Amino acid sequence: MDVMYFAWVRERIGLPRERVETQAATVNELVAELMAREERYAAAFADTSALRVALDQVLSDFDAPLAGVREVAFFPPMTGG
C-alpha cells in the first residue's frame, strides 16, 4: 500500500510517501511496524493522539481495518482561520 506523510510527520520521517508491504490488520498495527523500523518513525508516531489518519482519502480511526486499503495518509489535525 502507499503510505503518505504530511506536514511535520513528513519532516520527521524525511519522506513524502513510500510503498509499504505490511501484514498489519489495523492502522495501529501499521504504526507499530513503522515505529519498529527506525528512530525517525518512532519520533513521528510517538504521540498518535496528535495525528489524524485517512484511508483511501476518508478520515478514519487508528483502530480501523486495513483490508482492501490502497492508501494511508498521516497528518496533524488541521486548524482553520
PDB file of N, CA and C in Angstrom:
ATOM      1  N   MET A   1       0.834  -1.167   0.000  1.00  0.00           N
ATOM      2  CA  MET A   1       0.000   0.000   0.000  1.00  0.00           C
ATOM      3  C   MET A   1       0.883   1.234   0.000  1.00  0.00           C
ATOM      4  N   ASP A   2       0.329   2.347  -0.440  1.00  0.00           N
ATOM      5  CA  ASP A   2       1.046   3.614  -0.404  1.00  0.00           C
ATOM      6  C   ASP A   2       0.781   4.280   0.935  1.00  0.00           C
ATOM      7  N   VAL A   3       1.844   4.760   1.563  1.00  0.00           N
ATOM      8  CA  VAL A   3       1.725   5.483   2.817  1.00  0.00           C
ATOM      9  C   VAL A   3       2.262   6.887   2.575  1.00  0.00           C
ATOM     10  N   MET A   4       1.438   7.880   2.911  1.00  0.00           N
ATOM     11  CA  MET A   4       1.785   9.280   2.685  1.00  0.00           C
ATOM     12  C   MET A   4       1.915  10.003   4.025  1.00  0.00           C
ATOM     13  N   TYR A   5       2.863  10.936   4.070  1.00  0.00           N
ATOM     14  CA  TYR A   5       3.133  11.695   5.281  1.00  0.00           C
ATOM     15  C   TYR A   5       3.043  13.182   4.954  1.00  0.00           C
ATOM     16  N   PHE A   6       2.387  13.945   5.836  1.00  0.00           N
ATOM     17  CA  PHE A   6       2.212  15.365   5.597  1.00  0.00           C
ATOM     18  C   PHE A   6       2.720  16.193   6.769  1.00  0.00           C
ATOM     19  N   ALA A   7       3.080  17.447   6.473  1.00  0.00           N
ATOM     20  CA  ALA A   7       3.495  18.445   7.448  1.00  0.00           C
ATOM     21  C   ALA A   7       4.671  17.935   8.291  1.00  0.00           C
ATOM     22  N   TRP A   8       4.608  18.083   9.627  1.00  0.00           N
ATOM     23  CA  TRP A   8       5.751  17.710  10.463  1.00  0.00           C
ATOM     24  C   TRP A   8       5.994  16.202  10.485  1.00  0.00           C
ATOM     25  N   VAL A   9       4.988  15.405  10.142  1.00  0.00           N
ATOM     26  CA  VAL A   9       5.203  13.952  10.053  1.00  0.00           C
ATOM     27  C   VAL A   9       6.199  13.677   8.920  1.00  0.00           C
ATOM     28  N   ARG A  10       5.975  14.313   7.783  1.00  0.00           N
ATOM     29  CA  ARG A  10       6.881  14.179   6.635  1.00  0.00           C
ATOM     30  C   ARG A  10       8.274  14.676   6.992  1.00  0.00           C
ATOM     31  N   GLU A  11       8.349  15.792   7.713  1.00  0.00           N
ATOM     32  CA  GLU A  11       9.652  16.345   8.085  1.00  0.00           C
ATOM     33  C   GLU A  11      10.431  15.396   8.991  1.00  0.00           C
ATOM     34  N   ARG A  12       9.770  14.764   9.942  1.00  0.00           N
ATOM     35  CA  ARG A  12      10.460  13.848  10.864  1.00  0.00           C
ATOM     36  C   ARG A  12      10.901  12.564  10.178  1.00  0.00           C
ATOM     37  N   ILE A  13      10.056  12.058   9.281  1.00  0.00           N
ATOM     38  CA  ILE A  13      10.392  10.809   8.597  1.00  0.00           C
ATOM     39  C   ILE A  13      11.347  11.053   7.433  1.00  0.00           C
ATOM     40  N   GLY A  14      11.212  12.204   6.791  1.00  0.00           N
ATOM     41  CA  GLY A  14      12.104  12.543   5.686  1.00  0.00           C
ATOM     42  C   GLY A  14      11.614  12.077   4.330  1.00  0.00           C
ATOM     43  N   LEU A  15      10.382  11.632   4.259  1.00  0.00           N
ATOM     44  CA  LEU A  15       9.792  11.166   3.005  1.00  0.00           C
ATOM     45  C   LEU A  15       8.363  11.687   2.877  1.00  0.00           C
ATOM     46  N   PRO A  16       7.942  12.050   1.671  1.00  0.00           N
ATOM     47  CA  PRO A  16       6.536  12.430   1.496  1.00  0.00           C
ATOM     48  C   PRO A  16       5.618  11.218   1.352  1.00  0.00           C
ATOM     49  N   ARG A  17       6.168  10.121   0.823  1.00  0.00           N
ATOM     50  CA  ARG A  17       5.376   8.903   0.623  1.00  0.00           C
ATOM     51  C   ARG A  17       6.306   7.732   0.394  1.00  0.00           C
ATOM     52  N   GLU A  18       5.776   6.544   0.618  1.00  0.00           N
ATOM     53  CA  GLU A  18       6.529   5.324   0.332  1.00  0.00           C
ATOM     54  C   GLU A  18       5.557   4.166   0.123  1.00  0.00           C
ATOM     55  N   ARG A  19       6.045   3.154  -0.528  1.00  0.00           N
ATOM     56  CA  ARG A  19       5.270   1.925  -0.735  1.00  0.00           C
ATOM     57  C   ARG A  19       5.652   0.977   0.391  1.00  0.00           C
ATOM     58  N   VAL A  20       4.661   0.446   1.113  1.00  0.00           N
ATOM     59  CA  VAL A  20       4.908  -0.399   2.273  1.00  0.00           C
ATOM     60  C   VAL A  20       4.227  -1.747   2.087  1.00  0.00           C
ATOM     61  N   GLU A  21       4.992  -2.804   2.270  1.00  0.00           N
ATOM     62  CA  GLU A  21       4.426  -4.151   2.326  1.00  0.00           C
ATOM     63  C   GLU A  21       4.190  -4.451   3.795  1.00  0.00           C
ATOM     64  N   THR A  22       2.975  -4.803   4.153  1.00  0.00           N
ATOM     65  CA  THR A  22       2.650  -4.986   5.559  1.00  0.00           C
ATOM     66  C   THR A  22       1.703  -6.157   5.764  1.00  0.00           C
ATOM     67  N   GLN A  23       1.792  -6.728   6.941  1.00  0.00           N
ATOM     68  CA  GLN A  23       0.844  -7.754   7.376  1.00  0.00           C
ATOM     69  C   GLN A  23      -0.122  -7.174   8.409  1.00  0.00           C
ATOM     70  N   ALA A  24      -0.032  -5.875   8.653  1.00  0.00           N
ATOM     71  CA  ALA A  24      -0.859  -5.213   9.662  1.00  0.00           C
ATOM     72  C   ALA A  24      -2.337  -5.321   9.308  1.00  0.00           C
ATOM     73  N   ALA A  25      -3.148  -5.592  10.320  1.00  0.00           N
ATOM     74  CA  ALA A  25      -4.599  -5.683  10.125  1.00  0.00           C
ATOM     75  C   ALA A  25      -5.293  -4.358  10.397  1.00  0.00           C
ATOM     76  N   THR A  26      -4.647  -3.486  11.185  1.00  0.00           N
ATOM     77  CA  THR A  26      -5.241  -2.195  11.529  1.00  0.00           C
ATOM     78  C   THR A  26      -4.197  -1.091  11.368  1.00  0.00           C
ATOM     79  N   VAL A  27      -4.666   0.144  11.420  1.00  0.00           N
ATOM     80  CA  VAL A  27      -3.742   1.274  11.359  1.00  0.00           C
ATOM     81  C   VAL A  27      -2.785   1.222  12.547  1.00  0.00           C
ATOM     82  N   ASN A  28      -3.281   0.923  13.731  1.00  0.00           N
ATOM     83  CA  ASN A  28      -2.399   0.832  14.904  1.00  0.00           C
ATOM     84  C   ASN A  28      -1.276  -0.180  14.690  1.00  0.00           C
ATOM     85  N   GLU A  29      -1.580  -1.315  14.083  1.00  0.00           N
ATOM     86  CA  GLU A  29      -0.550  -2.316  13.807  1.00  0.00           C
ATOM     87  C   GLU A  29       0.454  -1.811  12.777  1.00  0.00           C
ATOM     88  N   LEU A  30      -0.024  -1.078  11.777  1.00  0.00           N
ATOM     89  CA  LEU A  30       0.873  -0.484  10.791  1.00  0.00           C
ATOM     90  C   LEU A  30       1.808   0.513  11.463  1.00  0.00           C
ATOM     91  N   VAL A  31       1.262   1.353  12.332  1.00  0.00           N
ATOM     92  CA  VAL A  31       2.088   2.325  13.058  1.00  0.00           C
ATOM     93  C   VAL A  31       3.154   1.603  13.877  1.00  0.00           C
ATOM     94  N   ALA A  32       2.787   0.524  14.546  1.00  0.00           N
ATOM     95  CA  ALA A  32       3.758  -0.240  15.333  1.00  0.00           C
ATOM     96  C   ALA A  32       4.873  -0.785  14.439  1.00  0.00           C
ATOM     97  N   GLU A  33       4.521  -1.298  13.263  1.00  0.00           N
ATOM     98  CA  GLU A  33       5.531  -1.799  12.321  1.00  0.00           C
ATOM     99  C   GLU A  33       6.466  -0.673  11.889  1.00  0.00           C
ATOM    100  N   LEU A  34       5.896   0.484  11.563  1.00  0.00           N
ATOM    101  CA  LEU A  34       6.715   1.608  11.123  1.00  0.00           C
ATOM    102  C   LEU A  34       7.635   2.087  12.233  1.00  0.00           C
ATOM    103  N   MET A  35       7.107   2.189  13.455  1.00  0.00           N
ATOM    104  CA  MET A  35       7.921   2.650  14.582  1.00  0.00           C
ATOM    105  C   MET A  35       9.098   1.723  14.854  1.00  0.00           C
ATOM    106  N   ALA A  36       8.928   0.444  14.584  1.00  0.00           N
ATOM    107  CA  ALA A  36       9.995  -0.527  14.819  1.00  0.00           C
ATOM    108  C   ALA A  36      11.112  -0.423  13.774  1.00  0.00           C
ATOM    109  N   ARG A  37      10.854   0.248  12.665  1.00  0.00           N
ATOM    110  CA  ARG A  37      11.845   0.363  11.593  1.00  0.00           C
ATOM    111  C   ARG A  37      13.072   1.159  12.012  1.00  0.00           C
ATOM    112  N   GLU A  38      12.830   2.408  12.412  1.00  0.00           N
ATOM    113  CA  GLU A  38      13.919   3.341  12.683  1.00  0.00           C
ATOM    114  C   GLU A  38      13.452   4.391  13.675  1.00  0.00           C
ATOM    115  N   GLU A  39      14.389   5.083  14.259  1.00  0.00           N
ATOM    116  CA  GLU A  39      14.095   6.134  15.239  1.00  0.00           C
ATOM    117  C   GLU A  39      13.253   7.260  14.640  1.00  0.00           C
ATOM    118  N   ARG A  40      13.485   7.594  13.381  1.00  0.00           N
ATOM    119  CA  ARG A  40      12.725   8.700  12.780  1.00  0.00           C
ATOM    120  C   ARG A  40      11.233   8.389  12.726  1.00  0.00           C
ATOM    121  N   TYR A  41      10.872   7.124  12.491  1.00  0.00           N
ATOM    122  CA  TYR A  41       9.460   6.734  12.515  1.00  0.00           C
ATOM    123  C   TYR A  41       8.929   6.750  13.946  1.00  0.00           C
ATOM    124  N   ALA A  42       9.745   6.254  14.874  1.00  0.00           N
ATOM    125  CA  ALA A  42       9.343   6.257  16.280  1.00  0.00           C
ATOM    126  C   ALA A  42       9.071   7.683  16.751  1.00  0.00           C
ATOM    127  N   ALA A  43       9.888   8.632  16.330  1.00  0.00           N
ATOM    128  CA  ALA A  43       9.683  10.031  16.703  1.00  0.00           C
ATOM    129  C   ALA A  43       8.410  10.590  16.085  1.00  0.00           C
ATOM    130  N   ALA A  44       8.160  10.268  14.841  1.00  0.00           N
ATOM    131  CA  ALA A  44       6.981  10.793  14.148  1.00  0.00           C
ATOM    132  C   ALA A  44       5.678  10.259  14.740  1.00  0.00           C
ATOM    133  N   PHE A  45       5.696   9.014  15.205  1.00  0.00           N
ATOM    134  CA  PHE A  45       4.470   8.382  15.709  1.00  0.00           C
ATOM    135  C   PHE A  45       4.441   8.251  17.227  1.00  0.00           C
ATOM    136  N   ALA A  46       5.316   8.979  17.927  1.00  0.00           N
ATOM    137  CA  ALA A  46       5.399   8.866  19.383  1.00  0.00           C
ATOM    138  C   ALA A  46       4.085   9.213  20.081  1.00  0.00           C
ATOM    139  N   ASP A  47       3.327  10.133  19.516  1.00  0.00           N
ATOM    140  CA  ASP A  47       2.057  10.547  20.122  1.00  0.00           C
ATOM    141  C   ASP A  47       0.974  10.537  19.047  1.00  0.00           C
ATOM    142  N   THR A  48       0.337   9.403  18.866  1.00  0.00           N
ATOM    143  CA  THR A  48      -0.676   9.306  17.806  1.00  0.00           C
ATOM    144  C   THR A  48      -1.913  10.149  18.099  1.00  0.00           C
ATOM    145  N   SER A  49      -2.082  10.606  19.344  1.00  0.00           N
ATOM    146  CA  SER A  49      -3.209  11.497  19.628  1.00  0.00           C
ATOM    147  C   SER A  49      -3.021  12.846  18.935  1.00  0.00           C
ATOM    148  N   ALA A  50      -1.797  13.133  18.503  1.00  0.00           N
ATOM    149  CA  ALA A  50      -1.505  14.378  17.789  1.00  0.00           C
ATOM    150  C   ALA A  50      -1.569  14.188  16.276  1.00  0.00           C
ATOM    151  N   LEU A  51      -2.076  13.037  15.838  1.00  0.00           N
ATOM    152  CA  LEU A  51      -2.151  12.720  14.409  1.00  0.00           C
ATOM    153  C   LEU A  51      -3.563  12.368  13.989  1.00  0.00           C
ATOM    154  N   ARG A  52      -3.800  12.513  12.711  1.00  0.00           N
ATOM    155  CA  ARG A  52      -5.022  12.027  12.084  1.00  0.00           C
ATOM    156  C   ARG A  52      -4.589  11.063  10.987  1.00  0.00           C
ATOM    157  N   VAL A  53      -5.515  10.193  10.587  1.00  0.00           N
ATOM    158  CA  VAL A  53      -5.223   9.233   9.533  1.00  0.00           C
ATOM    159  C   VAL A  53      -6.401   9.187   8.565  1.00  0.00           C
ATOM    160  N   ALA A  54      -6.077   9.045   7.297  1.00  0.00           N
ATOM    161  CA  ALA A  54      -7.097   8.860   6.270  1.00  0.00           C
ATOM    162  C   ALA A  54      -6.776   7.585   5.506  1.00  0.00           C
ATOM    163  N   LEU A  55      -7.798   6.789   5.262  1.00  0.00           N
ATOM    164  CA  LEU A  55      -7.667   5.560   4.475  1.00  0.00           C
ATOM    165  C   LEU A  55      -8.399   5.765   3.163  1.00  0.00           C
ATOM    166  N   ASP A  56      -7.663   5.667   2.066  1.00  0.00           N
ATOM    167  CA  ASP A  56      -8.224   5.939   0.741  1.00  0.00           C
ATOM    168  C   ASP A  56      -8.986   7.260   0.744  1.00  0.00           C
ATOM    169  N   GLN A  57      -8.371   8.269   1.345  1.00  0.00           N
ATOM    170  CA  GLN A  57      -8.842   9.655   1.392  1.00  0.00           C
ATOM    171  C   GLN A  57     -10.108   9.864   2.217  1.00  0.00           C
ATOM    172  N   VAL A  58     -10.379   8.950   3.153  1.00  0.00           N
ATOM    173  CA  VAL A  58     -11.512   9.092   4.075  1.00  0.00           C
ATOM    174  C   VAL A  58     -10.955   9.096   5.488  1.00  0.00           C
ATOM    175  N   LEU A  59     -11.275  10.149   6.251  1.00  0.00           N
ATOM    176  CA  LEU A  59     -10.797  10.248   7.625  1.00  0.00           C
ATOM    177  C   LEU A  59     -11.231   9.020   8.411  1.00  0.00           C
ATOM    178  N   SER A  60     -10.302   8.415   9.134  1.00  0.00           N
ATOM    179  CA  SER A  60     -10.550   7.153   9.832  1.00  0.00           C
ATOM    180  C   SER A  60      -9.949   7.180  11.228  1.00  0.00           C
ATOM    181  N   ASP A  61     -10.163   6.098  11.967  1.00  0.00           N
ATOM    182  CA  ASP A  61      -9.588   5.926  13.293  1.00  0.00           C
ATOM    183  C   ASP A  61      -8.372   5.014  13.206  1.00  0.00           C
ATOM    184  N   PHE A  62      -7.540   5.073  14.235  1.00  0.00           N
ATOM    185  CA  PHE A  62      -6.341   4.249  14.254  1.00  0.00           C
ATOM    186  C   PHE A  62      -6.645   2.768  14.479  1.00  0.00           C
ATOM    187  N   ASP A  63      -7.854   2.450  14.920  1.00  0.00           N
ATOM    188  CA  ASP A  63      -8.225   1.039  15.064  1.00  0.00           C
ATOM    189  C   ASP A  63      -8.959   0.511  13.827  1.00  0.00           C
ATOM    190  N   ALA A  64      -9.020   1.310  12.773  1.00  0.00           N
ATOM    191  CA  ALA A  64      -9.700   0.915  11.538  1.00  0.00           C
ATOM    192  C   ALA A  64      -8.937  -0.209  10.840  1.00  0.00           C
ATOM    193  N   PRO A  65      -9.672  -1.136  10.218  1.00  0.00           N
ATOM    194  CA  PRO A  65      -9.016  -2.229   9.485  1.00  0.00           C
ATOM    195  C   PRO A  65      -8.375  -1.735   8.192  1.00  0.00           C
ATOM    196  N   LEU A  66      -7.329  -2.422   7.779  1.00  0.00           N
ATOM    197  CA  LEU A  66      -6.615  -2.070   6.552  1.00  0.00           C
ATOM    198  C   LEU A  66      -6.979  -2.951   5.359  1.00  0.00           C
ATOM    199  N   ALA A  67      -7.831  -3.928   5.555  1.00  0.00           N
ATOM    200  CA  ALA A  67      -8.194  -4.841   4.461  1.00  0.00           C
ATOM    201  C   ALA A  67      -8.732  -4.044   3.275  1.00  0.00           C
ATOM    202  N   GLY A  68      -8.114  -4.234   2.122  1.00  0.00           N
ATOM    203  CA  GLY A  68      -8.548  -3.585   0.895  1.00  0.00           C
ATOM    204  C   GLY A  68      -8.103  -2.144   0.735  1.00  0.00           C
ATOM    205  N   VAL A  69      -7.419  -1.586   1.715  1.00  0.00           N
ATOM    206  CA  VAL A  69      -6.972  -0.192   1.650  1.00  0.00           C
ATOM    207  C   VAL A  69      -5.760  -0.079   0.728  1.00  0.00           C
ATOM    208  N   ARG A  70      -5.770   0.920  -0.132  1.00  0.00           N
ATOM    209  CA  ARG A  70      -4.651   1.141  -1.048  1.00  0.00           C
ATOM    210  C   ARG A  70      -3.751   2.294  -0.622  1.00  0.00           C
ATOM    211  N   GLU A  71      -4.329   3.254   0.152  1.00  0.00           N
ATOM    212  CA  GLU A  71      -3.564   4.436   0.527  1.00  0.00           C
ATOM    213  C   GLU A  71      -3.858   4.826   1.975  1.00  0.00           C
ATOM    214  N   VAL A  72      -2.790   5.056   2.735  1.00  0.00           N
ATOM    215  CA  VAL A  72      -2.897   5.526   4.117  1.00  0.00           C
ATOM    216  C   VAL A  72      -2.153   6.854   4.186  1.00  0.00           C
ATOM    217  N   ALA A  73      -2.801   7.861   4.771  1.00  0.00           N
ATOM    218  CA  ALA A  73      -2.167   9.172   4.909  1.00  0.00           C
ATOM    219  C   ALA A  73      -2.176   9.580   6.380  1.00  0.00           C
ATOM    220  N   PHE A  74      -1.023  10.049   6.849  1.00  0.00           N
ATOM    221  CA  PHE A  74      -0.883  10.527   8.222  1.00  0.00           C
ATOM    222  C   PHE A  74      -0.612  12.024   8.191  1.00  0.00           C
ATOM    223  N   PHE A  75      -1.305  12.779   9.057  1.00  0.00           N
ATOM    224  CA  PHE A  75      -1.157  14.234   9.084  1.00  0.00           C
ATOM    225  C   PHE A  75      -1.598  14.775  10.432  1.00  0.00           C
ATOM    226  N   PRO A  76      -1.103  15.958  10.796  1.00  0.00           N
ATOM    227  CA  PRO A  76      -1.562  16.573  12.041  1.00  0.00           C
ATOM    228  C   PRO A  76      -2.969  17.138  11.846  1.00  0.00           C
ATOM    229  N   PRO A  77      -3.675  17.370  12.952  1.00  0.00           N
ATOM    230  CA  PRO A  77      -5.011  17.967  12.831  1.00  0.00           C
ATOM    231  C   PRO A  77      -4.920  19.318  12.115  1.00  0.00           C
ATOM    232  N   MET A  78      -5.927  19.607  11.351  1.00  0.00           N
ATOM    233  CA  MET A  78      -5.965  20.870  10.620  1.00  0.00           C
ATOM    234  C   MET A  78      -6.652  21.931  11.467  1.00  0.00           C
ATOM    235  N   THR A  79      -6.134  23.137  11.355  1.00  0.00           N
ATOM    236  CA  THR A  79      -6.795  24.249  12.018  1.00  0.00           C
ATOM    237  C   THR A  79      -7.150  25.280  10.957  1.00  0.00           C
ATOM    238  N   GLY A  80      -8.207  25.967  11.180  1.00  0.00           N
ATOM    239  CA  GLY A  80      -8.642  26.962  10.200  1.00  0.00           C
ATOM    240  C   GLY A  80      -8.472  28.364  10.735  1.00  0.00           C
ATOM    241  N   GLY A  81      -8.694  29.308   9.879  1.00  0.00           N
ATOM    242  CA  GLY A  81      -8.588  30.672  10.362  1.00  0.00           C
ATOM    243  C   GLY A  81      -8.522  31.646   9.257  1.00  0.00           C
TER     244      GLY A  81
END
